[in-house]
Amino acid sequence: MCIAVAFWWVNHKQTYQQQTSGGYIWSPKAKADGRRNITYDNLTLCRQGDVVFSYAHAKIQQIGLVEAEAVSAPKPPEFGKAGDAWGDDGWLVHINWGMLSQPLVTLNFFELLQPLMPERHSPISTTSGRGNQGVYLAGLSEQLGKLLLKLIEDHADSAVQVLLLTLSEEAIDGFIGTGWVQSDKHCARPRVIPEAPQRIPIRPAV
C-alpha cells in the first residue's frame, strides 16, 4: 500500500467553533446560485492523513489531520443562522483537530507566504494578505505547507510536531510521525490533482 499526504488550508471564520469542536469541515456542494465552487469540490480530494490548517479571525489557531474521505452530508444543524446562505446538501470530512499553544497571525509573515500562494484559489489575498471569502478549502504546495509548519514551530507552538504525531496516533491507523515517516511496507508517490496540492511521499522509517 502506498500513502501520500497533502496540505490544505480551510477558511471557516463563520463556523470555526462548530467545526473544530465537532471534528470536521463541511461545505455545500455548490454556490447559492447553483454554480460550481472548486474549493468546495476540494473536500472530495481529501485523503486520510492529509494536514489541514484552520484559518479564522486572521490567524491559524488549530491544525488537523483528515480521518477519512469526504461523505455526502446535510448541513450541520449547529451552524444555525451562520449557515443560512448555504444549501443543505454538502460534503463533510472528519478532521482530528488540535489546538496550537498560540495562534499564528499569518499577516505577520505575509512576505514569506505570498510568493508561495496558489495562483488560483489562494486562501488569502496575494495583495492584502487577508482571507479570501470566496475560497473555502485551498490546496497548498509542499513548500508552502512545510513553511507553515516551520512558522508555527518557531512562533506559535514549538511542539507542533509532537501535536501532529499525537493526532495521527489518535486518528489514523499506521500513520506515524510528521516528517512523512511511515512504518515498514508503506511507500508513496506524489499524486498530482488538478486544483489541489501535489501529495508528498511518506517514506519508510529507517
N, C-alpha and C. Protein backbone atom coordinates (compact mmCIF):
# COMPACT_ATOMS: atom_id res chain seq x y z
N MET A 1 0.84 -1.19 0.00
CA MET A 1 0.00 0.00 0.00
C MET A 1 0.87 1.24 0.00
N CYS A 2 0.53 2.22 -0.84
CA CYS A 2 1.27 3.47 -0.90
C CYS A 2 0.41 4.60 -0.35
N ILE A 3 1.03 5.45 0.44
CA ILE A 3 0.31 6.56 1.06
C ILE A 3 1.01 7.86 0.71
N ALA A 4 0.23 8.89 0.40
CA ALA A 4 0.78 10.22 0.19
C ALA A 4 -0.11 11.21 0.90
N VAL A 5 0.48 12.29 1.34
CA VAL A 5 -0.30 13.29 2.07
C VAL A 5 -0.23 14.63 1.34
N ALA A 6 -1.20 15.46 1.64
CA ALA A 6 -1.27 16.79 1.05
C ALA A 6 -1.57 17.80 2.15
N PHE A 7 -1.31 19.06 1.85
CA PHE A 7 -1.60 20.16 2.77
C PHE A 7 -2.83 20.92 2.27
N TRP A 8 -3.71 21.28 3.19
CA TRP A 8 -4.89 22.07 2.88
C TRP A 8 -5.02 23.22 3.86
N TRP A 9 -5.68 24.29 3.41
CA TRP A 9 -5.96 25.47 4.24
C TRP A 9 -7.46 25.71 4.17
N VAL A 10 -8.15 25.70 5.31
CA VAL A 10 -9.59 25.94 5.33
C VAL A 10 -9.89 27.30 5.94
N ASN A 11 -10.67 28.09 5.22
CA ASN A 11 -11.17 29.36 5.72
C ASN A 11 -12.57 29.13 6.28
N HIS A 12 -12.75 29.22 7.59
CA HIS A 12 -14.07 28.95 8.17
C HIS A 12 -14.37 29.83 9.38
N LYS A 13 -14.20 31.12 9.18
CA LYS A 13 -14.44 32.08 10.25
C LYS A 13 -15.86 31.95 10.81
N GLN A 14 -16.86 31.82 9.92
CA GLN A 14 -18.25 31.83 10.37
C GLN A 14 -18.62 30.61 11.22
N THR A 15 -17.98 29.49 10.91
CA THR A 15 -18.35 28.25 11.61
C THR A 15 -17.14 27.57 12.24
N TYR A 16 -16.13 28.37 12.55
CA TYR A 16 -14.90 27.83 13.14
C TYR A 16 -15.18 27.02 14.40
N GLN A 17 -15.95 27.60 15.31
CA GLN A 17 -16.18 26.94 16.60
C GLN A 17 -16.93 25.62 16.42
N GLN A 18 -17.96 25.64 15.58
CA GLN A 18 -18.76 24.43 15.37
C GLN A 18 -17.93 23.32 14.73
N GLN A 19 -17.11 23.69 13.75
CA GLN A 19 -16.37 22.68 13.01
C GLN A 19 -15.19 22.11 13.80
N THR A 20 -14.48 22.96 14.52
CA THR A 20 -13.33 22.45 15.27
C THR A 20 -13.77 21.67 16.50
N SER A 21 -14.83 22.10 17.15
CA SER A 21 -15.31 21.35 18.31
C SER A 21 -16.00 20.06 17.88
N GLY A 22 -16.56 20.07 16.67
CA GLY A 22 -17.25 18.88 16.17
C GLY A 22 -16.36 17.90 15.44
N GLY A 23 -15.13 18.30 15.12
CA GLY A 23 -14.20 17.40 14.46
C GLY A 23 -14.49 17.17 13.00
N TYR A 24 -14.68 18.25 12.25
CA TYR A 24 -14.98 18.10 10.82
C TYR A 24 -14.78 19.42 10.09
N ILE A 25 -14.88 19.35 8.76
CA ILE A 25 -15.13 20.52 7.93
C ILE A 25 -16.31 20.17 7.03
N TRP A 26 -17.09 21.17 6.65
CA TRP A 26 -18.28 20.94 5.82
C TRP A 26 -18.44 22.10 4.86
N SER A 27 -18.86 21.80 3.65
CA SER A 27 -19.22 22.84 2.70
C SER A 27 -20.41 22.39 1.89
N PRO A 28 -21.18 23.33 1.35
CA PRO A 28 -22.22 22.94 0.40
C PRO A 28 -21.56 22.40 -0.87
N LYS A 29 -22.34 21.71 -1.68
CA LYS A 29 -21.80 21.14 -2.92
C LYS A 29 -21.75 22.17 -4.05
N ALA A 30 -22.46 23.26 -3.89
CA ALA A 30 -22.49 24.30 -4.92
C ALA A 30 -22.78 25.65 -4.27
N LYS A 31 -22.54 26.69 -5.03
CA LYS A 31 -22.86 28.03 -4.56
C LYS A 31 -24.39 28.19 -4.47
N ALA A 32 -24.79 29.28 -3.87
CA ALA A 32 -26.23 29.52 -3.70
C ALA A 32 -26.96 29.59 -5.03
N ASP A 33 -26.27 30.04 -6.08
CA ASP A 33 -26.91 30.14 -7.40
C ASP A 33 -26.76 28.86 -8.21
N GLY A 34 -26.21 27.80 -7.58
CA GLY A 34 -26.07 26.52 -8.26
C GLY A 34 -24.77 26.32 -8.99
N ARG A 35 -23.95 27.36 -9.07
CA ARG A 35 -22.68 27.24 -9.78
C ARG A 35 -21.65 26.46 -8.95
N ARG A 36 -20.70 25.89 -9.66
CA ARG A 36 -19.64 25.12 -9.03
C ARG A 36 -18.65 26.03 -8.31
N ASN A 37 -18.13 25.55 -7.19
CA ASN A 37 -17.04 26.20 -6.48
C ASN A 37 -15.95 25.15 -6.28
N ILE A 38 -14.84 25.33 -6.94
CA ILE A 38 -13.77 24.34 -6.89
C ILE A 38 -13.28 24.11 -5.47
N THR A 39 -13.31 25.15 -4.66
CA THR A 39 -12.82 24.98 -3.28
C THR A 39 -13.82 24.23 -2.41
N TYR A 40 -15.06 24.04 -2.89
CA TYR A 40 -15.97 23.10 -2.25
C TYR A 40 -15.64 21.69 -2.75
N ASP A 41 -15.39 21.58 -4.05
CA ASP A 41 -15.04 20.27 -4.63
C ASP A 41 -13.80 19.68 -3.97
N ASN A 42 -12.92 20.55 -3.48
CA ASN A 42 -11.67 20.07 -2.89
C ASN A 42 -11.88 19.13 -1.71
N LEU A 43 -13.02 19.23 -1.05
CA LEU A 43 -13.29 18.32 0.06
C LEU A 43 -13.29 16.87 -0.42
N THR A 44 -13.71 16.64 -1.65
CA THR A 44 -13.76 15.27 -2.18
C THR A 44 -12.38 14.74 -2.53
N LEU A 45 -11.36 15.61 -2.50
CA LEU A 45 -10.00 15.20 -2.81
C LEU A 45 -9.18 14.92 -1.55
N CYS A 46 -9.74 15.22 -0.39
CA CYS A 46 -9.02 14.96 0.86
C CYS A 46 -8.86 13.45 1.07
N ARG A 47 -7.71 13.08 1.62
CA ARG A 47 -7.42 11.69 1.89
C ARG A 47 -6.91 11.54 3.32
N GLN A 48 -7.06 10.36 3.86
CA GLN A 48 -6.64 10.07 5.23
C GLN A 48 -5.18 10.47 5.43
N GLY A 49 -4.92 11.22 6.48
CA GLY A 49 -3.56 11.65 6.80
C GLY A 49 -3.19 13.01 6.27
N ASP A 50 -4.02 13.61 5.42
CA ASP A 50 -3.74 14.96 4.94
C ASP A 50 -3.73 15.95 6.10
N VAL A 51 -2.89 16.98 5.99
CA VAL A 51 -2.76 18.01 7.02
C VAL A 51 -3.64 19.21 6.64
N VAL A 52 -4.43 19.70 7.59
CA VAL A 52 -5.33 20.83 7.34
C VAL A 52 -5.03 21.95 8.34
N PHE A 53 -4.80 23.15 7.81
CA PHE A 53 -4.60 24.33 8.65
C PHE A 53 -5.93 25.07 8.77
N SER A 54 -6.36 25.32 10.00
CA SER A 54 -7.62 26.01 10.27
C SER A 54 -7.35 27.51 10.39
N TYR A 55 -7.98 28.29 9.49
CA TYR A 55 -7.78 29.74 9.46
C TYR A 55 -9.10 30.43 9.78
N ALA A 56 -9.09 31.24 10.80
CA ALA A 56 -10.28 32.01 11.19
C ALA A 56 -9.83 33.22 11.98
N HIS A 57 -10.52 34.34 11.77
CA HIS A 57 -10.21 35.57 12.51
C HIS A 57 -8.74 35.98 12.31
N ALA A 58 -8.28 35.82 11.07
CA ALA A 58 -6.95 36.28 10.64
C ALA A 58 -5.79 35.51 11.24
N LYS A 59 -6.07 34.28 11.72
CA LYS A 59 -4.96 33.51 12.28
C LYS A 59 -5.24 32.01 12.18
N ILE A 60 -4.14 31.25 12.23
CA ILE A 60 -4.23 29.80 12.30
C ILE A 60 -4.17 29.42 13.77
N GLN A 61 -5.28 28.85 14.26
CA GLN A 61 -5.35 28.50 15.68
C GLN A 61 -5.29 27.00 15.92
N GLN A 62 -5.64 26.23 14.88
CA GLN A 62 -5.65 24.79 15.03
C GLN A 62 -5.08 24.14 13.77
N ILE A 63 -4.62 22.92 13.94
CA ILE A 63 -4.12 22.12 12.83
C ILE A 63 -4.74 20.73 12.99
N GLY A 64 -5.04 20.10 11.89
CA GLY A 64 -5.72 18.82 11.99
C GLY A 64 -5.27 17.84 10.93
N LEU A 65 -5.68 16.58 11.13
CA LEU A 65 -5.41 15.52 10.16
C LEU A 65 -6.73 14.92 9.70
N VAL A 66 -6.81 14.70 8.40
CA VAL A 66 -8.01 14.09 7.83
C VAL A 66 -8.11 12.64 8.30
N GLU A 67 -9.28 12.27 8.78
CA GLU A 67 -9.51 10.91 9.28
C GLU A 67 -10.06 9.98 8.20
N ALA A 68 -10.82 10.52 7.25
CA ALA A 68 -11.44 9.69 6.22
C ALA A 68 -11.86 10.57 5.05
N GLU A 69 -12.14 9.95 3.93
CA GLU A 69 -12.56 10.69 2.74
C GLU A 69 -13.93 11.32 2.96
N ALA A 70 -14.24 12.31 2.12
CA ALA A 70 -15.49 13.06 2.24
C ALA A 70 -16.71 12.16 2.05
N VAL A 71 -17.76 12.51 2.75
CA VAL A 71 -19.05 11.85 2.59
C VAL A 71 -20.11 12.91 2.33
N SER A 72 -21.13 12.54 1.61
CA SER A 72 -22.26 13.43 1.40
C SER A 72 -23.03 13.57 2.69
N ALA A 73 -23.32 14.82 3.09
CA ALA A 73 -23.97 15.04 4.39
C ALA A 73 -24.77 16.34 4.36
N PRO A 74 -25.86 16.38 5.10
CA PRO A 74 -26.64 17.62 5.19
C PRO A 74 -25.90 18.67 6.00
N LYS A 75 -26.31 19.90 5.84
CA LYS A 75 -25.71 21.00 6.59
C LYS A 75 -25.87 20.75 8.09
N PRO A 76 -24.78 20.86 8.86
CA PRO A 76 -24.88 20.62 10.30
C PRO A 76 -25.86 21.59 10.96
N PRO A 77 -26.77 21.09 11.77
CA PRO A 77 -27.76 21.97 12.40
C PRO A 77 -27.14 22.98 13.36
N GLU A 78 -25.96 22.65 13.90
CA GLU A 78 -25.32 23.57 14.85
C GLU A 78 -24.83 24.86 14.19
N PHE A 79 -24.83 24.92 12.85
CA PHE A 79 -24.44 26.15 12.18
C PHE A 79 -25.43 27.27 12.49
N GLY A 80 -26.69 26.92 12.68
CA GLY A 80 -27.70 27.93 12.96
C GLY A 80 -27.76 28.98 11.87
N LYS A 81 -27.90 30.23 12.27
CA LYS A 81 -28.02 31.32 11.31
C LYS A 81 -26.74 31.54 10.52
N ALA A 82 -25.61 31.09 11.06
CA ALA A 82 -24.33 31.26 10.35
C ALA A 82 -24.33 30.54 9.01
N GLY A 83 -25.17 29.52 8.87
CA GLY A 83 -25.20 28.76 7.62
C GLY A 83 -26.40 29.04 6.75
N ASP A 84 -27.13 30.11 7.03
CA ASP A 84 -28.35 30.41 6.29
C ASP A 84 -28.12 30.59 4.79
N ALA A 85 -26.96 31.08 4.40
CA ALA A 85 -26.71 31.37 2.99
C ALA A 85 -26.32 30.14 2.18
N TRP A 86 -26.12 29.01 2.85
CA TRP A 86 -25.65 27.81 2.17
C TRP A 86 -26.78 26.81 1.97
N GLY A 87 -26.67 26.03 0.89
CA GLY A 87 -27.63 24.96 0.66
C GLY A 87 -27.48 23.86 1.69
N ASP A 88 -28.45 22.97 1.73
CA ASP A 88 -28.45 21.91 2.73
C ASP A 88 -27.60 20.70 2.34
N ASP A 89 -27.40 20.48 1.05
CA ASP A 89 -26.67 19.30 0.58
C ASP A 89 -25.19 19.64 0.48
N GLY A 90 -24.33 18.86 1.16
CA GLY A 90 -22.92 19.22 1.17
C GLY A 90 -21.99 18.05 1.33
N TRP A 91 -20.71 18.40 1.49
CA TRP A 91 -19.64 17.43 1.72
C TRP A 91 -19.12 17.60 3.14
N LEU A 92 -18.85 16.50 3.81
CA LEU A 92 -18.30 16.52 5.16
C LEU A 92 -17.05 15.66 5.21
N VAL A 93 -16.00 16.22 5.82
CA VAL A 93 -14.74 15.49 6.03
C VAL A 93 -14.43 15.51 7.52
N HIS A 94 -14.24 14.35 8.10
CA HIS A 94 -13.90 14.27 9.52
C HIS A 94 -12.43 14.63 9.72
N ILE A 95 -12.18 15.52 10.67
CA ILE A 95 -10.83 16.02 10.97
C ILE A 95 -10.54 15.82 12.45
N ASN A 96 -9.36 15.33 12.76
CA ASN A 96 -8.91 15.30 14.15
C ASN A 96 -8.13 16.59 14.41
N TRP A 97 -8.77 17.55 15.07
CA TRP A 97 -8.18 18.87 15.29
C TRP A 97 -7.36 18.92 16.57
N GLY A 98 -6.32 19.76 16.56
CA GLY A 98 -5.54 20.04 17.75
C GLY A 98 -5.26 21.53 17.85
N MET A 99 -5.41 22.06 19.06
CA MET A 99 -5.21 23.49 19.29
C MET A 99 -3.73 23.81 19.45
N LEU A 100 -3.28 24.88 18.80
CA LEU A 100 -1.90 25.34 18.96
C LEU A 100 -1.76 26.08 20.29
N SER A 101 -0.55 26.10 20.81
CA SER A 101 -0.30 26.81 22.07
C SER A 101 -0.63 28.29 21.93
N GLN A 102 -0.27 28.86 20.79
CA GLN A 102 -0.59 30.24 20.45
C GLN A 102 -1.00 30.27 18.98
N PRO A 103 -1.88 31.18 18.60
CA PRO A 103 -2.24 31.27 17.18
C PRO A 103 -1.11 31.86 16.35
N LEU A 104 -1.09 31.49 15.09
CA LEU A 104 -0.13 32.08 14.15
C LEU A 104 -0.87 33.14 13.34
N VAL A 105 -0.46 34.40 13.51
CA VAL A 105 -1.06 35.51 12.75
C VAL A 105 -0.34 35.57 11.41
N THR A 106 -0.99 35.07 10.38
CA THR A 106 -0.30 34.88 9.09
C THR A 106 0.09 36.21 8.44
N LEU A 107 -0.63 37.28 8.73
CA LEU A 107 -0.30 38.57 8.13
C LEU A 107 1.10 39.02 8.55
N ASN A 108 1.55 38.58 9.71
CA ASN A 108 2.89 38.94 10.17
C ASN A 108 3.98 38.32 9.32
N PHE A 109 3.62 37.30 8.54
CA PHE A 109 4.61 36.59 7.73
C PHE A 109 4.22 36.60 6.24
N PHE A 110 3.45 37.63 5.88
CA PHE A 110 2.90 37.70 4.53
C PHE A 110 3.99 37.72 3.46
N GLU A 111 5.09 38.40 3.71
CA GLU A 111 6.15 38.47 2.71
C GLU A 111 6.75 37.11 2.41
N LEU A 112 6.75 36.22 3.39
CA LEU A 112 7.25 34.86 3.18
C LEU A 112 6.19 33.98 2.50
N LEU A 113 4.94 34.17 2.88
CA LEU A 113 3.87 33.31 2.38
C LEU A 113 3.40 33.69 0.98
N GLN A 114 3.37 34.98 0.69
CA GLN A 114 2.76 35.45 -0.55
C GLN A 114 3.34 34.83 -1.82
N PRO A 115 4.67 34.71 -1.96
CA PRO A 115 5.19 34.13 -3.20
C PRO A 115 4.82 32.66 -3.41
N LEU A 116 4.43 31.97 -2.35
CA LEU A 116 4.13 30.54 -2.43
C LEU A 116 2.63 30.25 -2.53
N MET A 117 1.81 31.30 -2.44
CA MET A 117 0.37 31.09 -2.53
C MET A 117 -0.04 30.65 -3.94
N PRO A 118 -1.08 29.82 -4.03
CA PRO A 118 -1.53 29.37 -5.36
C PRO A 118 -1.91 30.56 -6.23
N GLU A 119 -1.66 30.43 -7.54
CA GLU A 119 -2.04 31.49 -8.46
C GLU A 119 -3.55 31.63 -8.55
N ARG A 120 -4.24 30.49 -8.44
CA ARG A 120 -5.70 30.48 -8.45
C ARG A 120 -6.21 29.91 -7.13
N HIS A 121 -7.32 30.44 -6.67
CA HIS A 121 -7.96 29.93 -5.46
C HIS A 121 -7.03 30.01 -4.25
N SER A 122 -6.33 31.13 -4.12
CA SER A 122 -5.47 31.33 -2.95
C SER A 122 -6.34 31.56 -1.72
N PRO A 123 -5.98 30.97 -0.58
CA PRO A 123 -6.80 31.16 0.62
C PRO A 123 -6.75 32.57 1.19
N ILE A 124 -5.70 33.29 0.89
CA ILE A 124 -5.61 34.70 1.30
C ILE A 124 -5.31 35.55 0.07
N SER A 125 -5.67 36.81 0.15
CA SER A 125 -5.38 37.73 -0.95
C SER A 125 -3.87 37.87 -1.11
N THR A 126 -3.40 37.77 -2.33
CA THR A 126 -1.97 37.90 -2.57
C THR A 126 -1.53 39.36 -2.60
N THR A 127 -2.47 40.28 -2.43
CA THR A 127 -2.11 41.70 -2.34
C THR A 127 -2.24 42.24 -0.93
N SER A 128 -3.30 41.82 -0.21
CA SER A 128 -3.53 42.36 1.13
C SER A 128 -3.16 41.39 2.25
N GLY A 129 -3.14 40.09 1.95
CA GLY A 129 -2.87 39.10 2.98
C GLY A 129 -4.08 38.73 3.81
N ARG A 130 -5.22 39.31 3.50
CA ARG A 130 -6.45 38.99 4.22
C ARG A 130 -7.10 37.74 3.63
N GLY A 131 -7.96 37.09 4.40
CA GLY A 131 -8.62 35.89 3.93
C GLY A 131 -9.51 36.15 2.73
N ASN A 132 -9.51 35.21 1.78
CA ASN A 132 -10.38 35.30 0.60
C ASN A 132 -11.72 34.66 0.92
N GLN A 133 -12.77 35.45 0.95
CA GLN A 133 -14.07 34.95 1.35
C GLN A 133 -14.63 33.90 0.38
N GLY A 134 -14.26 33.98 -0.89
CA GLY A 134 -14.79 33.03 -1.86
C GLY A 134 -14.06 31.70 -1.90
N VAL A 135 -13.03 31.57 -1.07
CA VAL A 135 -12.23 30.34 -1.05
C VAL A 135 -12.46 29.63 0.28
N TYR A 136 -12.93 28.39 0.20
CA TYR A 136 -13.18 27.62 1.43
C TYR A 136 -12.01 26.70 1.75
N LEU A 137 -11.79 25.66 0.96
CA LEU A 137 -10.68 24.73 1.20
C LEU A 137 -9.70 24.85 0.05
N ALA A 138 -8.51 25.35 0.35
CA ALA A 138 -7.50 25.57 -0.68
C ALA A 138 -6.37 24.55 -0.56
N GLY A 139 -5.94 24.05 -1.69
CA GLY A 139 -4.79 23.15 -1.71
C GLY A 139 -3.49 23.93 -1.68
N LEU A 140 -2.53 23.45 -0.91
CA LEU A 140 -1.24 24.12 -0.78
C LEU A 140 -0.13 23.24 -1.34
N SER A 141 0.93 23.88 -1.80
CA SER A 141 2.09 23.14 -2.26
C SER A 141 2.84 22.54 -1.07
N GLU A 142 3.69 21.58 -1.35
CA GLU A 142 4.54 21.00 -0.30
C GLU A 142 5.39 22.08 0.35
N GLN A 143 5.96 22.97 -0.47
CA GLN A 143 6.83 24.02 0.06
C GLN A 143 6.08 24.94 1.01
N LEU A 144 4.87 25.33 0.63
CA LEU A 144 4.08 26.22 1.48
C LEU A 144 3.62 25.51 2.75
N GLY A 145 3.21 24.26 2.63
CA GLY A 145 2.78 23.52 3.81
C GLY A 145 3.90 23.37 4.82
N LYS A 146 5.08 23.05 4.34
CA LYS A 146 6.22 22.89 5.25
C LYS A 146 6.65 24.23 5.85
N LEU A 147 6.52 25.30 5.07
CA LEU A 147 6.83 26.63 5.61
C LEU A 147 5.87 26.98 6.75
N LEU A 148 4.60 26.71 6.56
CA LEU A 148 3.63 26.99 7.62
C LEU A 148 3.95 26.19 8.89
N LEU A 149 4.30 24.93 8.72
CA LEU A 149 4.68 24.13 9.89
C LEU A 149 5.89 24.72 10.59
N LYS A 150 6.85 25.19 9.80
CA LYS A 150 8.06 25.78 10.38
C LYS A 150 7.73 27.08 11.11
N LEU A 151 6.87 27.91 10.51
CA LEU A 151 6.49 29.16 11.17
C LEU A 151 5.72 28.89 12.46
N ILE A 152 4.85 27.89 12.43
CA ILE A 152 4.13 27.52 13.64
C ILE A 152 5.11 27.04 14.72
N GLU A 153 6.05 26.21 14.31
CA GLU A 153 7.03 25.69 15.27
C GLU A 153 7.86 26.80 15.89
N ASP A 154 8.24 27.80 15.09
CA ASP A 154 9.12 28.87 15.57
C ASP A 154 8.38 29.98 16.32
N HIS A 155 7.10 30.20 15.99
CA HIS A 155 6.43 31.39 16.51
C HIS A 155 5.12 31.13 17.24
N ALA A 156 4.58 29.92 17.18
CA ALA A 156 3.27 29.68 17.80
C ALA A 156 3.25 28.46 18.71
N ASP A 157 3.88 27.39 18.28
CA ASP A 157 3.82 26.15 19.06
C ASP A 157 5.05 25.31 18.74
N SER A 158 6.03 25.37 19.62
CA SER A 158 7.29 24.66 19.38
C SER A 158 7.10 23.15 19.35
N ALA A 159 5.98 22.69 19.89
CA ALA A 159 5.72 21.25 19.95
C ALA A 159 4.73 20.80 18.88
N VAL A 160 4.64 21.55 17.77
CA VAL A 160 3.66 21.20 16.74
C VAL A 160 3.92 19.82 16.15
N GLN A 161 5.19 19.43 16.07
CA GLN A 161 5.49 18.09 15.55
C GLN A 161 4.94 17.01 16.47
N VAL A 162 5.07 17.25 17.77
CA VAL A 162 4.51 16.31 18.75
C VAL A 162 2.99 16.30 18.66
N LEU A 163 2.40 17.48 18.47
CA LEU A 163 0.95 17.57 18.33
C LEU A 163 0.46 16.75 17.14
N LEU A 164 1.13 16.87 16.00
CA LEU A 164 0.73 16.11 14.83
C LEU A 164 0.91 14.61 15.04
N LEU A 165 1.97 14.25 15.70
CA LEU A 165 2.19 12.83 15.99
C LEU A 165 1.06 12.30 16.88
N THR A 166 0.68 13.08 17.89
CA THR A 166 -0.41 12.67 18.77
C THR A 166 -1.71 12.53 18.00
N LEU A 167 -2.00 13.50 17.13
CA LEU A 167 -3.22 13.44 16.33
C LEU A 167 -3.23 12.22 15.43
N SER A 168 -2.07 11.92 14.85
CA SER A 168 -2.01 10.78 13.94
C SER A 168 -2.20 9.47 14.68
N GLU A 169 -1.65 9.37 15.86
CA GLU A 169 -1.82 8.15 16.66
C GLU A 169 -3.26 7.97 17.10
N GLU A 170 -3.94 9.09 17.36
CA GLU A 170 -5.34 9.03 17.77
C GLU A 170 -6.26 8.66 16.62
N ALA A 171 -5.94 9.19 15.44
CA ALA A 171 -6.94 9.16 14.37
C ALA A 171 -6.63 8.21 13.22
N ILE A 172 -5.37 7.91 12.98
CA ILE A 172 -5.03 7.26 11.73
C ILE A 172 -4.19 6.02 11.99
N ASP A 173 -4.73 4.88 11.70
CA ASP A 173 -4.06 3.61 11.93
C ASP A 173 -2.84 3.49 11.04
N GLY A 174 -1.68 3.37 11.66
CA GLY A 174 -0.45 3.14 10.91
C GLY A 174 0.29 4.39 10.47
N PHE A 175 -0.31 5.58 10.62
CA PHE A 175 0.34 6.80 10.19
C PHE A 175 1.16 7.35 11.35
N ILE A 176 2.47 7.40 11.20
CA ILE A 176 3.30 7.85 12.32
C ILE A 176 4.25 8.95 11.88
N GLY A 177 4.40 9.95 12.73
CA GLY A 177 5.40 10.98 12.51
C GLY A 177 4.93 12.07 11.59
N THR A 178 5.59 13.21 11.66
CA THR A 178 5.25 14.34 10.82
C THR A 178 6.39 14.69 9.88
N GLY A 179 7.44 13.87 9.88
CA GLY A 179 8.49 14.03 8.89
C GLY A 179 8.22 13.13 7.71
N TRP A 180 6.91 12.75 7.56
CA TRP A 180 6.46 11.87 6.49
C TRP A 180 7.13 10.51 6.62
N VAL A 181 7.19 10.01 7.87
CA VAL A 181 7.75 8.69 8.15
C VAL A 181 6.62 7.69 8.22
N GLN A 182 6.78 6.56 7.56
CA GLN A 182 5.76 5.54 7.56
C GLN A 182 6.39 4.18 7.86
N SER A 183 5.69 3.37 8.62
CA SER A 183 6.25 2.10 9.05
C SER A 183 6.33 1.08 7.92
N ASP A 184 7.30 0.20 8.00
CA ASP A 184 7.64 -0.94 7.15
C ASP A 184 7.18 -0.86 5.71
N LYS A 185 6.05 -1.49 5.36
CA LYS A 185 5.75 -1.78 3.98
C LYS A 185 5.22 -0.60 3.17
N HIS A 186 5.07 0.56 3.77
CA HIS A 186 4.43 1.64 3.05
C HIS A 186 5.43 2.44 2.20
N CYS A 187 4.94 2.86 1.05
CA CYS A 187 5.70 3.73 0.18
C CYS A 187 4.72 4.74 -0.38
N ALA A 188 5.19 5.66 -1.20
CA ALA A 188 4.26 6.64 -1.74
C ALA A 188 4.82 7.28 -2.99
N ARG A 189 3.91 7.71 -3.85
CA ARG A 189 4.26 8.55 -4.97
C ARG A 189 3.39 9.80 -4.91
N PRO A 190 3.94 10.94 -5.32
CA PRO A 190 3.12 12.15 -5.32
C PRO A 190 1.92 11.97 -6.24
N ARG A 191 0.77 12.46 -5.81
CA ARG A 191 -0.42 12.45 -6.64
C ARG A 191 -0.68 13.86 -7.11
N VAL A 192 -0.69 14.07 -8.40
CA VAL A 192 -0.93 15.40 -8.95
C VAL A 192 -2.42 15.51 -9.24
N ILE A 193 -3.09 16.38 -8.52
CA ILE A 193 -4.53 16.54 -8.65
C ILE A 193 -4.83 17.95 -9.13
N PRO A 194 -5.60 18.14 -10.20
CA PRO A 194 -5.94 19.49 -10.65
C PRO A 194 -6.59 20.30 -9.55
N GLU A 195 -6.17 21.56 -9.43
CA GLU A 195 -6.72 22.50 -8.45
C GLU A 195 -6.44 22.10 -7.01
N ALA A 196 -5.52 21.15 -6.79
CA ALA A 196 -5.21 20.71 -5.43
C ALA A 196 -3.71 20.46 -5.34
N PRO A 197 -3.18 20.28 -4.13
CA PRO A 197 -1.74 20.17 -3.97
C PRO A 197 -1.19 18.83 -4.42
N GLN A 198 0.08 18.85 -4.75
CA GLN A 198 0.78 17.58 -5.01
C GLN A 198 0.96 16.85 -3.70
N ARG A 199 0.72 15.54 -3.72
CA ARG A 199 0.84 14.77 -2.50
C ARG A 199 2.31 14.43 -2.23
N ILE A 200 2.65 14.37 -0.96
CA ILE A 200 4.04 14.23 -0.53
C ILE A 200 4.31 12.79 -0.11
N PRO A 201 5.38 12.21 -0.60
CA PRO A 201 5.66 10.81 -0.21
C PRO A 201 5.90 10.66 1.28
N ILE A 202 5.37 9.59 1.84
CA ILE A 202 5.70 9.17 3.21
C ILE A 202 6.68 8.03 3.07
N ARG A 203 7.91 8.22 3.48
CA ARG A 203 8.96 7.24 3.24
C ARG A 203 9.05 6.24 4.39
N PRO A 204 9.51 5.04 4.08
CA PRO A 204 9.68 4.04 5.14
C PRO A 204 10.63 4.51 6.23
N ALA A 205 10.33 4.15 7.45
CA ALA A 205 11.21 4.52 8.56
C ALA A 205 12.53 3.79 8.44
N VAL A 206 13.61 4.44 8.89
CA VAL A 206 14.94 3.82 8.86
C VAL A 206 15.39 3.50 10.28
